[in-house]
């Protein structure tokens, strides 16, 4: 009996009895261990089923004074996304050396999505996962991944999008990062003597070297790549203070821009968001997409940059 059917079996046993049911009897009827019974009870409570425990009679019971309804579909948002994203990625994957290995996984995901408690096959038809802005991984993804796993250095030719400059450099790969539907290679750059992120589609040539890669600690990588805002990593240098209009606050207040953000509603209904950043480029783009519904309160440099962009845009439309 799988967990889903045990949920209904447990509920059925409790609903049919007016007196508490002992854990031992539940173990027998559900064909499971004591720990599984406790886990099933806690799961059902999480779904809103009012299951009580009578210490004197040493048993579980349904509190019939409380209204409740068993869910017809048993999954949460993260489980749904994981399943459908995995199915989408596997279906869109081009045939390669892993095609035979991935085939059973594709079938298994299909079987899971066909289960009764996941809508009996309706989910893939009724739920969409939309991706936008993805630029592809480029032709050197496999070389980068191989060098990363084997801890080897790479010699790359990199065409920077912002400056248009092409440079050749030696790097020690540290991590692959998938961010906003795009792939980046985080690496120690031996040319710049610093950690850098390289958009994979901008690596026009990659050659794996025999030399061992410089190994950075997880702590140093997290300090560099996860402490400031967005993909432009580095130590935070400033704290942006953004104030959103009451209308836009209803959306922004529920968004996560950064793990270390701080937000609060002000008496006039506006929403103030504080977050650390180093390089302002990505933050600038994200602020500008909210138009006149947000004001940069601080720092002055970011405020001036946003104001200048708005003026340039206004002049273009005159």
Protein backbone atom coordinates (compact mmCIF):
# COMPACT_ATOMS: atom_id res chain seq x y z
CA UNK A 1 0.00 0.00 0.00
CA UNK A 2 1.54 3.36 -0.99
CA UNK A 3 1.39 6.46 1.16
CA UNK A 4 -1.46 8.05 -0.77
CA UNK A 5 -3.75 5.06 -0.24
CA UNK A 6 -2.67 4.87 3.40
CA UNK A 7 -3.92 8.44 3.87
CA UNK A 8 -7.39 7.39 2.79
CA UNK A 9 -7.21 4.12 4.73
CA UNK A 10 -6.23 5.96 7.91
CA UNK A 11 -9.02 8.46 7.45
CA UNK A 12 -11.48 5.65 6.74
CA UNK A 13 -10.58 3.78 9.94
CA UNK A 14 -10.90 6.88 12.10
CA UNK A 15 -14.12 8.04 10.41
CA UNK A 16 -15.77 4.64 11.01
CA UNK A 17 -15.05 4.65 14.75
CA UNK A 18 -16.46 6.82 17.50
CA UNK A 19 -13.88 5.72 20.05
CA UNK A 20 -10.12 6.32 19.77
CA UNK A 21 -8.14 3.77 17.75
CA UNK A 22 -4.84 2.58 19.18
CA UNK A 23 -1.61 3.03 17.27
CA UNK A 24 -1.04 -0.72 17.28
CA UNK A 25 -4.38 -1.34 15.57
CA UNK A 26 -3.58 1.31 12.97
CA UNK A 27 -0.22 -0.33 12.31
CA UNK A 28 -2.02 -3.61 11.64
CA UNK A 29 -4.73 -2.16 9.41
CA UNK A 30 -2.37 0.04 7.41
CA UNK A 31 0.39 -2.58 7.25
CA UNK A 32 3.08 -0.19 8.36
CA UNK A 33 5.39 0.68 11.24
CA UNK A 34 4.75 2.85 14.27
CA UNK A 35 6.88 5.65 12.80
CA UNK A 36 4.87 5.55 9.56
CA UNK A 37 1.59 5.85 11.46
CA UNK A 38 2.88 8.92 13.27
CA UNK A 39 4.07 10.43 9.98
CA UNK A 40 0.72 9.78 8.27
CA UNK A 41 -1.16 11.36 11.17
CA UNK A 42 1.06 14.46 11.04
CA UNK A 43 0.66 14.69 7.26
CA UNK A 44 -3.14 14.55 7.49
CA UNK A 45 -3.09 17.18 10.21
CA UNK A 46 -1.05 19.33 7.86
CA UNK A 47 -3.82 18.98 5.27
CA UNK A 48 -6.33 20.25 7.85
CA UNK A 49 -7.79 16.95 9.06
CA UNK A 50 -8.57 17.39 12.82
CA UNK A 51 -7.00 14.23 14.27
CA UNK A 52 -6.78 14.24 18.05
CA UNK A 53 -5.04 11.94 20.51
CA UNK A 54 -6.71 10.62 23.68
CA UNK A 55 -3.97 9.86 26.23
CA UNK A 56 -6.33 8.10 28.61
CA UNK A 57 -7.53 5.66 25.93
CA UNK A 58 -4.16 5.74 24.15
CA UNK A 59 -5.65 6.22 20.69
CA UNK A 60 -6.35 8.58 17.79
CA UNK A 61 -9.75 10.00 16.91
CA UNK A 62 -11.40 12.45 14.50
CA UNK A 63 -12.59 15.67 16.11
CA UNK A 64 -16.05 15.82 14.53
CA UNK A 65 -16.75 19.28 15.96
CA UNK A 66 -14.42 20.78 13.33
CA UNK A 67 -15.29 21.06 9.66
CA UNK A 68 -12.72 19.81 7.15
CA UNK A 69 -12.40 18.35 3.69
CA UNK A 70 -9.89 15.85 2.34
CA UNK A 71 -7.93 17.30 -0.59
CA UNK A 72 -8.68 15.81 -3.96
CA UNK A 73 -5.16 16.44 -5.20
CA UNK A 74 -2.13 15.66 -3.01
CA UNK A 75 0.89 17.77 -3.85
CA UNK A 76 2.39 21.13 -3.01
CA UNK A 77 3.72 23.86 -5.30
CA UNK A 78 7.37 22.82 -5.12
CA UNK A 79 6.55 19.16 -5.86
CA UNK A 80 4.39 20.16 -8.82
CA UNK A 81 7.09 22.40 -10.25
CA UNK A 82 9.81 19.77 -9.77
CA UNK A 83 7.78 17.09 -11.55
CA UNK A 84 6.63 19.18 -14.49
CA UNK A 85 9.98 20.95 -14.90
CA UNK A 86 11.76 17.57 -14.95
CA UNK A 87 9.29 16.23 -17.49
CA UNK A 88 9.65 19.35 -19.66
CA UNK A 89 13.44 19.23 -19.57
CA UNK A 90 13.57 15.51 -20.35
CA UNK A 91 11.11 15.84 -23.23
CA UNK A 92 13.06 18.73 -24.75
CA UNK A 93 16.50 17.15 -24.27
CA UNK A 94 18.27 16.36 -27.51
CA UNK A 95 19.29 12.69 -27.94
CA UNK A 96 22.78 12.02 -26.59
CA UNK A 97 24.84 9.39 -24.84
CA UNK A 98 22.42 9.40 -21.89
CA UNK A 99 19.29 8.84 -23.98
CA UNK A 100 18.97 5.17 -22.99
CA UNK A 101 19.72 5.96 -19.35
CA UNK A 102 17.16 8.77 -19.21
CA UNK A 103 14.38 6.76 -20.91
CA UNK A 104 13.36 4.85 -17.73
CA UNK A 105 13.36 8.12 -15.79
CA UNK A 106 11.03 9.70 -18.38
CA UNK A 107 8.69 6.70 -18.11
CA UNK A 108 8.76 6.86 -14.31
CA UNK A 109 7.83 10.55 -14.27
CA UNK A 110 5.00 9.77 -16.69
CA UNK A 111 3.73 7.05 -14.34
CA UNK A 112 3.89 9.42 -11.36
CA UNK A 113 1.93 12.09 -13.20
CA UNK A 114 -0.69 9.48 -14.14
CA UNK A 115 -1.34 8.57 -10.48
CA UNK A 116 -4.77 9.23 -9.01
CA UNK A 117 -3.52 11.65 -6.36
CA UNK A 118 -1.83 13.76 -9.06
CA UNK A 119 -4.88 14.17 -11.24
CA UNK A 120 -4.69 10.92 -13.25
CA UNK A 121 -2.68 12.44 -16.10
CA UNK A 122 -4.46 15.81 -16.24
CA UNK A 123 -1.57 17.85 -14.80
CA UNK A 124 0.63 18.03 -17.92
CA UNK A 125 -2.40 19.15 -19.93
CA UNK A 126 -3.62 21.76 -17.44
CA UNK A 127 -0.41 23.31 -16.10
CA UNK A 128 2.07 25.37 -18.11
CA UNK A 129 5.67 26.22 -17.22
CA UNK A 130 6.69 29.25 -19.29
CA UNK A 131 10.36 30.06 -19.80
CA UNK A 132 11.65 33.28 -21.31
CA UNK A 133 14.96 34.99 -21.82
CA UNK A 134 16.96 31.78 -22.11
CA UNK A 135 19.94 32.05 -24.44
CA UNK A 136 21.00 28.40 -24.58
CA UNK A 137 24.17 26.86 -23.14
CA UNK A 138 26.33 27.27 -26.23
CA UNK A 139 28.64 24.69 -27.84
CA UNK A 140 31.12 24.43 -24.95
CA UNK A 141 28.82 23.27 -22.16
CA UNK A 142 30.19 19.71 -22.15
CA UNK A 143 33.82 20.84 -22.02
CA UNK A 144 33.04 23.19 -19.14
CA UNK A 145 31.12 20.49 -17.24
CA UNK A 146 33.89 17.92 -17.82
CA UNK A 147 36.59 20.30 -16.60
CA UNK A 148 34.49 21.12 -13.55
CA UNK A 149 33.98 17.48 -12.59
CA UNK A 150 37.59 16.46 -13.30
CA UNK A 151 38.97 19.56 -11.52
CA UNK A 152 40.94 20.65 -14.59
CA UNK A 153 41.67 24.13 -15.86
CA UNK A 154 40.21 25.55 -19.07
CA UNK A 155 41.69 27.88 -21.62
CA UNK A 156 38.79 29.88 -23.03
CA UNK A 157 38.09 32.61 -25.53
CA UNK A 158 35.40 34.86 -24.08
CA UNK A 159 33.35 37.48 -25.93
CA UNK A 160 32.04 39.91 -23.33
CA UNK A 161 28.56 41.06 -24.24
CA UNK A 162 28.72 44.46 -22.53
CA UNK A 163 32.03 45.67 -23.97
CA UNK A 164 32.21 43.59 -27.14
CA UNK A 165 35.80 42.72 -26.21
CA UNK A 166 37.15 39.19 -26.79
CA UNK A 167 39.84 37.91 -24.44
CA UNK A 168 41.71 34.66 -23.98
CA UNK A 169 42.23 33.50 -20.44
CA UNK A 170 42.91 30.48 -18.25
CA UNK A 171 40.30 29.66 -15.64
CA UNK A 172 39.71 27.14 -12.84
CA UNK A 173 36.01 26.13 -12.94
CA UNK A 174 34.25 26.08 -9.56
CA UNK A 175 30.50 25.80 -10.22
CA UNK A 176 27.87 25.71 -12.94
CA UNK A 177 24.98 28.06 -12.17
CA UNK A 178 21.55 28.06 -13.84
CA UNK A 179 20.08 31.52 -13.27
CA UNK A 180 17.04 33.08 -14.91
CA UNK A 181 16.98 30.34 -17.56
CA UNK A 182 20.64 30.82 -18.49
CA UNK A 183 23.86 28.92 -17.71
CA UNK A 184 26.92 30.52 -16.12
CA UNK A 185 30.32 29.09 -15.22
CA UNK A 186 31.68 30.40 -11.94
CA UNK A 187 35.47 30.19 -12.01
CA UNK A 188 38.75 31.54 -10.69
CA UNK A 189 40.19 33.67 -13.49
CA UNK A 190 43.99 33.42 -13.62
CA UNK A 191 44.11 36.53 -15.84
CA UNK A 192 42.20 38.78 -13.42
CA UNK A 193 43.34 36.94 -10.26
CA UNK A 194 39.77 36.89 -9.01
CA UNK A 195 36.49 34.96 -9.12
CA UNK A 196 34.36 35.64 -12.18
CA UNK A 197 31.11 34.41 -13.77
CA UNK A 198 31.13 33.58 -17.48
CA UNK A 199 27.95 33.28 -19.53
CA UNK A 200 28.41 29.90 -21.22
CA UNK A 201 27.00 30.98 -24.56
CA UNK A 202 29.68 33.72 -24.73
CA UNK A 203 32.53 31.19 -24.46
CA UNK A 204 33.44 30.82 -28.13
CA UNK A 205 36.28 28.35 -27.58
CA UNK A 206 37.21 26.08 -24.67
CA UNK A 207 40.23 23.80 -24.31
CA UNK A 208 40.64 21.49 -21.33
CA UNK A 209 44.13 21.64 -19.84
CA UNK A 210 46.15 19.05 -17.93
CA UNK A 211 46.83 21.45 -15.05
CA UNK A 212 44.78 20.96 -11.89
CA UNK A 213 42.21 23.64 -11.15
CA UNK A 214 42.58 25.94 -8.18
CA UNK A 215 40.08 24.73 -5.57
CA UNK A 216 38.08 27.36 -3.67
CA UNK A 217 36.25 26.58 -0.43
CA UNK A 218 32.45 26.48 -0.36
CA UNK A 219 32.48 29.31 2.16
CA UNK A 220 34.56 31.56 -0.10
CA UNK A 221 32.34 30.77 -3.08
CA UNK A 222 29.16 31.53 -1.14
CA UNK A 223 30.64 34.74 0.25
CA UNK A 224 31.46 35.93 -3.25
CA UNK A 225 28.49 34.67 -5.26
CA UNK A 226 25.59 34.64 -2.79
CA UNK A 227 26.08 37.67 -0.56
CA UNK A 228 25.24 40.43 -3.06
CA UNK A 229 22.29 40.95 -5.42
CA UNK A 230 21.93 39.02 -8.68
CA UNK A 231 24.41 37.35 -10.99
CA UNK A 232 27.00 40.16 -10.69
CA UNK A 233 28.62 38.68 -7.61
CA UNK A 234 31.12 40.07 -5.13
CA UNK A 235 31.09 41.49 -1.65
CA UNK A 236 28.12 43.83 -1.04
CA UNK A 237 29.19 47.46 -1.12
CA UNK A 238 25.87 49.21 -0.68
CA UNK A 239 22.36 48.64 0.65
CA UNK A 240 19.62 49.68 -1.76
CA UNK A 241 16.51 51.23 -0.20
CA UNK A 242 13.55 50.98 -2.55
CA UNK A 243 10.10 52.39 -1.84
CA UNK A 244 7.18 50.95 -3.82
CA UNK A 245 3.75 52.53 -4.30
CA UNK A 246 0.81 51.03 -2.36
CA UNK A 247 -0.50 49.49 -5.60
CA UNK A 248 2.80 47.80 -6.52
CA UNK A 249 3.47 46.87 -2.88
CA UNK A 250 0.78 44.19 -3.05
CA UNK A 251 3.06 42.25 -5.43
CA UNK A 252 6.54 43.17 -4.27
CA UNK A 253 5.89 42.44 -0.59
CA UNK A 254 5.53 38.74 -1.44
CA UNK A 255 8.61 38.54 -3.69
CA UNK A 256 12.08 37.34 -2.69
CA UNK A 257 14.73 39.54 -4.30
CA UNK A 258 17.60 38.46 -2.04
CA UNK A 259 18.00 36.05 0.92
CA UNK A 260 19.11 38.93 3.16
CA UNK A 261 16.46 41.43 2.16
CA UNK A 262 14.45 43.41 4.71
CA UNK A 263 10.97 44.71 3.96
CA UNK A 264 8.32 46.68 5.82
CA UNK A 265 5.07 48.50 5.13
CA UNK A 266 5.10 52.21 5.95
CA UNK A 267 2.11 54.11 7.43
CA UNK A 268 1.18 55.60 4.03
CA UNK A 269 0.81 52.12 2.49
CA UNK A 270 4.10 52.15 0.59
CA UNK A 271 6.50 49.22 0.93
CA UNK A 272 10.16 49.73 1.73
CA UNK A 273 12.62 47.06 0.57
CA UNK A 274 16.28 46.97 1.63
CA UNK A 275 18.81 44.64 -0.01
CA UNK A 276 22.60 44.43 -0.34
CA UNK A 277 24.32 44.72 -3.70
CA UNK A 278 27.76 45.15 -5.21
CA UNK A 279 27.47 45.69 -8.97
CA UNK A 280 24.34 47.81 -9.66
CA UNK A 281 23.68 46.70 -13.27
CA UNK A 282 21.15 43.92 -12.69
CA UNK A 283 19.49 45.75 -9.81
CA UNK A 284 19.14 48.80 -12.03
CA UNK A 285 17.28 46.77 -14.67
CA UNK A 286 14.96 45.22 -12.08
CA UNK A 287 14.15 48.62 -10.57
CA UNK A 288 13.46 50.18 -13.97
CA UNK A 289 10.89 47.54 -14.88
CA UNK A 290 8.65 48.95 -12.12
CA UNK A 291 8.67 52.40 -13.74
CA UNK A 292 7.12 55.18 -11.70
CA UNK A 293 5.81 52.73 -9.10
CA UNK A 294 9.15 52.65 -7.26
CA UNK A 295 11.52 55.28 -5.90
CA UNK A 296 15.15 54.65 -5.01
CA UNK A 297 15.63 56.34 -1.65
CA UNK A 298 19.29 55.36 -1.24
CA UNK A 299 22.11 55.24 -2.03
CA UNK A 300 22.46 58.45 -4.01
CA UNK A 301 24.49 56.82 -6.80
CA UNK A 302 21.78 54.25 -7.57
CA UNK A 303 19.07 56.92 -7.30
CA UNK A 304 20.92 59.13 -9.80
CA UNK A 305 21.45 56.21 -12.20
CA UNK A 306 17.73 55.32 -12.20
CA UNK A 307 16.74 58.98 -12.65
CA UNK A 308 19.15 59.33 -15.58
CA UNK A 309 17.71 56.25 -17.31
CA UNK A 310 14.16 57.56 -16.89
CA UNK A 311 15.19 60.90 -18.39
CA UNK A 312 16.84 59.16 -21.36
CA UNK A 313 13.69 57.12 -21.94
CA UNK A 314 11.46 60.23 -21.71
CA UNK A 315 13.67 62.10 -24.19
CA UNK A 316 13.47 59.19 -26.64
CA UNK A 317 9.64 59.50 -26.70
CA UNK A 318 9.50 63.26 -27.14
